[in-house]
Amino acid sequence: MVQAFLAAGGVAPTPVRLHDLEARLAGADAAALGQAAFADSLTALLDRHVAPISDVRGSAWYKRETLARCVRRMLDAVQDFAACGAPAH
């Protein structure tokens, strides 16, 4: 991957850029994107950027898990795009 820009809202007092994840993605090849260990390493980096609170919109745990799932789904879509030229839906 050449370049990636990622941001998240609802998991910190203001929307945040996920710079560490962007840097890891920028150096990754398509084969790495499909590896569970790579996805795990990206989701582990989320704690550096997000500090969700529990409120009426959801618990802090739920918000962290939802963001981690979004990151994993993004990796799947990018890998599918790299493999066949079109993102999976």
N, C-alpha and C. Protein backbone atom coordinates (compact mmCIF):
# COMPACT_ATOMS: atom_id res chain seq x y z
N MET A 1 0.85 -1.16 0.00
CA MET A 1 0.00 0.00 0.00
C MET A 1 0.90 1.22 0.00
N VAL A 2 0.55 2.20 -0.79
CA VAL A 2 1.36 3.40 -0.91
C VAL A 2 1.04 4.40 0.18
N GLN A 3 -0.24 4.65 0.42
CA GLN A 3 -0.63 5.68 1.37
C GLN A 3 -2.00 5.35 1.96
N ALA A 4 -2.18 5.73 3.21
CA ALA A 4 -3.47 5.50 3.86
C ALA A 4 -3.76 6.68 4.79
N PHE A 5 -5.01 7.06 4.86
CA PHE A 5 -5.46 8.10 5.78
C PHE A 5 -6.63 7.52 6.57
N LEU A 6 -6.49 7.49 7.88
CA LEU A 6 -7.53 6.93 8.73
C LEU A 6 -7.88 7.89 9.84
N ALA A 7 -9.16 7.98 10.14
CA ALA A 7 -9.63 8.80 11.25
C ALA A 7 -10.80 8.08 11.91
N ALA A 8 -11.05 8.45 13.17
CA ALA A 8 -12.15 7.83 13.89
C ALA A 8 -12.86 8.89 14.72
N GLY A 9 -14.16 8.79 14.80
CA GLY A 9 -14.96 9.68 15.62
C GLY A 9 -15.73 8.88 16.66
N GLY A 10 -16.10 9.54 17.74
CA GLY A 10 -16.90 8.90 18.78
C GLY A 10 -16.08 8.04 19.73
N VAL A 11 -14.76 8.08 19.61
CA VAL A 11 -13.91 7.27 20.47
C VAL A 11 -12.87 8.11 21.22
N ALA A 12 -13.06 9.40 21.18
CA ALA A 12 -12.19 10.35 21.88
C ALA A 12 -12.98 11.65 21.99
N PRO A 13 -12.48 12.62 22.75
CA PRO A 13 -13.23 13.87 22.88
C PRO A 13 -13.48 14.57 21.53
N THR A 14 -12.55 14.42 20.59
CA THR A 14 -12.72 14.96 19.24
C THR A 14 -12.31 13.87 18.26
N PRO A 15 -12.70 13.97 17.00
CA PRO A 15 -12.24 12.99 16.01
C PRO A 15 -10.71 12.95 15.98
N VAL A 16 -10.15 11.77 15.76
CA VAL A 16 -8.69 11.62 15.78
C VAL A 16 -8.20 10.93 14.52
N ARG A 17 -7.03 11.36 14.06
CA ARG A 17 -6.33 10.65 13.00
C ARG A 17 -5.59 9.48 13.63
N LEU A 18 -5.53 8.39 12.94
CA LEU A 18 -4.87 7.19 13.43
C LEU A 18 -3.51 7.07 12.75
N HIS A 19 -2.60 7.96 13.13
CA HIS A 19 -1.30 8.10 12.46
C HIS A 19 -0.47 6.82 12.51
N ASP A 20 -0.43 6.14 13.64
CA ASP A 20 0.36 4.91 13.75
C ASP A 20 -0.16 3.84 12.78
N LEU A 21 -1.47 3.74 12.67
CA LEU A 21 -2.05 2.77 11.75
C LEU A 21 -1.75 3.16 10.31
N GLU A 22 -1.83 4.45 10.01
CA GLU A 22 -1.51 4.92 8.66
C GLU A 22 -0.08 4.53 8.28
N ALA A 23 0.85 4.73 9.21
CA ALA A 23 2.25 4.42 8.94
C ALA A 23 2.45 2.93 8.70
N ARG A 24 1.81 2.09 9.50
CA ARG A 24 1.94 0.63 9.33
C ARG A 24 1.34 0.19 8.00
N LEU A 25 0.23 0.78 7.62
CA LEU A 25 -0.40 0.41 6.36
C LEU A 25 0.43 0.85 5.16
N ALA A 26 1.06 2.01 5.27
CA ALA A 26 1.83 2.54 4.14
C ALA A 26 2.98 1.62 3.75
N GLY A 27 3.51 0.88 4.69
CA GLY A 27 4.61 -0.01 4.37
C GLY A 27 4.21 -1.45 4.11
N ALA A 28 2.92 -1.74 4.10
CA ALA A 28 2.46 -3.12 3.99
C ALA A 28 2.22 -3.53 2.54
N ASP A 29 2.48 -4.79 2.25
CA ASP A 29 2.13 -5.32 0.94
C ASP A 29 0.80 -6.07 1.04
N ALA A 30 0.24 -6.43 -0.08
CA ALA A 30 -1.09 -7.04 -0.09
C ALA A 30 -1.12 -8.35 0.69
N ALA A 31 -0.04 -9.11 0.68
CA ALA A 31 -0.02 -10.38 1.40
C ALA A 31 -0.14 -10.17 2.90
N ALA A 32 0.51 -9.13 3.41
CA ALA A 32 0.47 -8.85 4.86
C ALA A 32 -0.93 -8.47 5.31
N LEU A 33 -1.69 -7.80 4.46
CA LEU A 33 -3.01 -7.31 4.84
C LEU A 33 -3.95 -8.44 5.26
N GLY A 34 -3.77 -9.62 4.71
CA GLY A 34 -4.65 -10.73 5.02
C GLY A 34 -4.23 -11.56 6.22
N GLN A 35 -3.10 -11.25 6.80
CA GLN A 35 -2.61 -12.03 7.93
C GLN A 35 -3.25 -11.57 9.23
N ALA A 36 -3.72 -12.53 10.01
CA ALA A 36 -4.36 -12.20 11.29
C ALA A 36 -3.41 -11.46 12.22
N ALA A 37 -2.14 -11.82 12.19
CA ALA A 37 -1.16 -11.16 13.06
C ALA A 37 -1.02 -9.68 12.71
N PHE A 38 -1.10 -9.36 11.42
CA PHE A 38 -1.01 -7.97 11.00
C PHE A 38 -2.24 -7.20 11.49
N ALA A 39 -3.41 -7.78 11.34
CA ALA A 39 -4.64 -7.15 11.82
C ALA A 39 -4.59 -6.96 13.33
N ASP A 40 -4.09 -7.96 14.04
CA ASP A 40 -3.97 -7.85 15.50
C ASP A 40 -3.02 -6.72 15.89
N SER A 41 -1.93 -6.58 15.15
CA SER A 41 -0.97 -5.52 15.48
C SER A 41 -1.58 -4.14 15.23
N LEU A 42 -2.41 -4.02 14.20
CA LEU A 42 -3.06 -2.73 13.94
C LEU A 42 -4.08 -2.40 15.02
N THR A 43 -4.88 -3.37 15.39
CA THR A 43 -5.90 -3.09 16.40
C THR A 43 -5.26 -2.81 17.76
N ALA A 44 -4.09 -3.40 18.02
CA ALA A 44 -3.38 -3.11 19.27
C ALA A 44 -2.92 -1.66 19.32
N LEU A 45 -2.64 -1.08 18.17
CA LEU A 45 -2.20 0.32 18.11
C LEU A 45 -3.34 1.30 18.41
N LEU A 46 -4.57 0.85 18.33
CA LEU A 46 -5.70 1.75 18.55
C LEU A 46 -5.67 2.41 19.92
N ASP A 47 -5.18 1.71 20.93
CA ASP A 47 -5.17 2.28 22.28
C ASP A 47 -4.32 3.54 22.39
N ARG A 48 -3.39 3.72 21.46
CA ARG A 48 -2.58 4.95 21.46
C ARG A 48 -3.39 6.16 21.03
N HIS A 49 -4.48 5.93 20.34
CA HIS A 49 -5.22 7.03 19.73
C HIS A 49 -6.60 7.27 20.33
N VAL A 50 -7.21 6.23 20.86
CA VAL A 50 -8.60 6.37 21.28
C VAL A 50 -8.73 6.26 22.79
N ALA A 51 -9.70 6.99 23.30
CA ALA A 51 -10.02 6.97 24.73
C ALA A 51 -11.52 7.12 24.89
N PRO A 52 -12.27 6.12 24.44
CA PRO A 52 -13.72 6.25 24.50
C PRO A 52 -14.22 6.24 25.95
N ILE A 53 -15.36 6.87 26.12
CA ILE A 53 -16.03 6.85 27.42
C ILE A 53 -17.36 6.13 27.25
N SER A 54 -17.84 5.60 28.32
CA SER A 54 -19.18 5.01 28.30
C SER A 54 -20.20 6.13 28.43
N ASP A 55 -21.18 6.12 27.57
CA ASP A 55 -22.24 7.13 27.61
C ASP A 55 -23.51 6.53 27.01
N VAL A 56 -24.48 7.35 26.72
CA VAL A 56 -25.75 6.83 26.20
C VAL A 56 -25.59 6.21 24.81
N ARG A 57 -24.50 6.51 24.11
CA ARG A 57 -24.28 5.95 22.78
C ARG A 57 -23.65 4.57 22.81
N GLY A 58 -23.10 4.19 23.96
CA GLY A 58 -22.49 2.87 24.09
C GLY A 58 -21.40 2.86 25.13
N SER A 59 -21.02 1.67 25.53
CA SER A 59 -19.95 1.54 26.53
C SER A 59 -18.60 1.78 25.86
N ALA A 60 -17.60 2.09 26.66
CA ALA A 60 -16.24 2.26 26.15
C ALA A 60 -15.79 0.97 25.46
N TRP A 61 -16.10 -0.17 26.07
CA TRP A 61 -15.73 -1.46 25.49
C TRP A 61 -16.35 -1.61 24.10
N TYR A 62 -17.64 -1.32 23.98
CA TYR A 62 -18.34 -1.45 22.71
C TYR A 62 -17.70 -0.56 21.64
N LYS A 63 -17.37 0.66 21.99
CA LYS A 63 -16.78 1.59 21.02
C LYS A 63 -15.41 1.10 20.56
N ARG A 64 -14.59 0.57 21.49
CA ARG A 64 -13.28 0.02 21.11
C ARG A 64 -13.45 -1.19 20.19
N GLU A 65 -14.35 -2.08 20.54
CA GLU A 65 -14.58 -3.28 19.74
C GLU A 65 -15.11 -2.94 18.36
N THR A 66 -15.99 -1.95 18.29
CA THR A 66 -16.55 -1.55 17.00
C THR A 66 -15.46 -0.96 16.11
N LEU A 67 -14.60 -0.13 16.67
CA LEU A 67 -13.51 0.45 15.88
C LEU A 67 -12.55 -0.65 15.43
N ALA A 68 -12.22 -1.58 16.29
CA ALA A 68 -11.33 -2.68 15.91
C ALA A 68 -11.95 -3.49 14.78
N ARG A 69 -13.24 -3.74 14.85
CA ARG A 69 -13.93 -4.47 13.78
C ARG A 69 -13.90 -3.67 12.47
N CYS A 70 -14.08 -2.38 12.56
CA CYS A 70 -14.01 -1.54 11.35
C CYS A 70 -12.63 -1.61 10.71
N VAL A 71 -11.58 -1.61 11.53
CA VAL A 71 -10.22 -1.72 11.00
C VAL A 71 -10.05 -3.07 10.29
N ARG A 72 -10.52 -4.13 10.90
CA ARG A 72 -10.40 -5.44 10.28
C ARG A 72 -11.20 -5.52 8.96
N ARG A 73 -12.37 -4.92 8.94
CA ARG A 73 -13.17 -4.92 7.70
C ARG A 73 -12.50 -4.09 6.62
N MET A 74 -11.85 -2.99 7.02
CA MET A 74 -11.12 -2.18 6.06
C MET A 74 -9.97 -2.98 5.45
N LEU A 75 -9.26 -3.74 6.28
CA LEU A 75 -8.17 -4.58 5.78
C LEU A 75 -8.69 -5.60 4.78
N ASP A 76 -9.81 -6.22 5.09
CA ASP A 76 -10.41 -7.20 4.17
C ASP A 76 -10.75 -6.54 2.83
N ALA A 77 -11.33 -5.36 2.89
CA ALA A 77 -11.72 -4.67 1.65
C ALA A 77 -10.49 -4.27 0.83
N VAL A 78 -9.45 -3.79 1.49
CA VAL A 78 -8.24 -3.42 0.77
C VAL A 78 -7.58 -4.64 0.15
N GLN A 79 -7.55 -5.74 0.88
CA GLN A 79 -6.96 -6.97 0.34
C GLN A 79 -7.77 -7.46 -0.87
N ASP A 80 -9.08 -7.42 -0.78
CA ASP A 80 -9.92 -7.82 -1.91
C ASP A 80 -9.68 -6.93 -3.11
N PHE A 81 -9.54 -5.64 -2.86
CA PHE A 81 -9.29 -4.69 -3.95
C PHE A 81 -7.96 -5.00 -4.62
N ALA A 82 -6.94 -5.27 -3.81
CA ALA A 82 -5.63 -5.57 -4.36
C ALA A 82 -5.64 -6.87 -5.15
N ALA A 83 -6.44 -7.83 -4.71
CA ALA A 83 -6.47 -9.14 -5.38
C ALA A 83 -7.22 -9.12 -6.69
N CYS A 84 -8.32 -8.37 -6.76
CA CYS A 84 -9.14 -8.46 -7.98
C CYS A 84 -9.48 -7.12 -8.61
N GLY A 85 -9.04 -6.05 -8.01
CA GLY A 85 -9.29 -4.74 -8.60
C GLY A 85 -10.58 -4.09 -8.19
N ALA A 86 -11.37 -4.74 -7.35
CA ALA A 86 -12.63 -4.15 -6.89
C ALA A 86 -12.87 -4.54 -5.44
N PRO A 87 -13.34 -3.61 -4.61
CA PRO A 87 -13.59 -3.95 -3.21
C PRO A 87 -14.78 -4.89 -3.06
N ALA A 88 -14.68 -5.75 -2.06
CA ALA A 88 -15.79 -6.64 -1.76
C ALA A 88 -16.85 -5.89 -0.96
N HIS A 89 -18.11 -6.20 -1.19
CA HIS A 89 -19.19 -5.56 -0.43
C HIS A 89 -19.98 -6.60 0.29
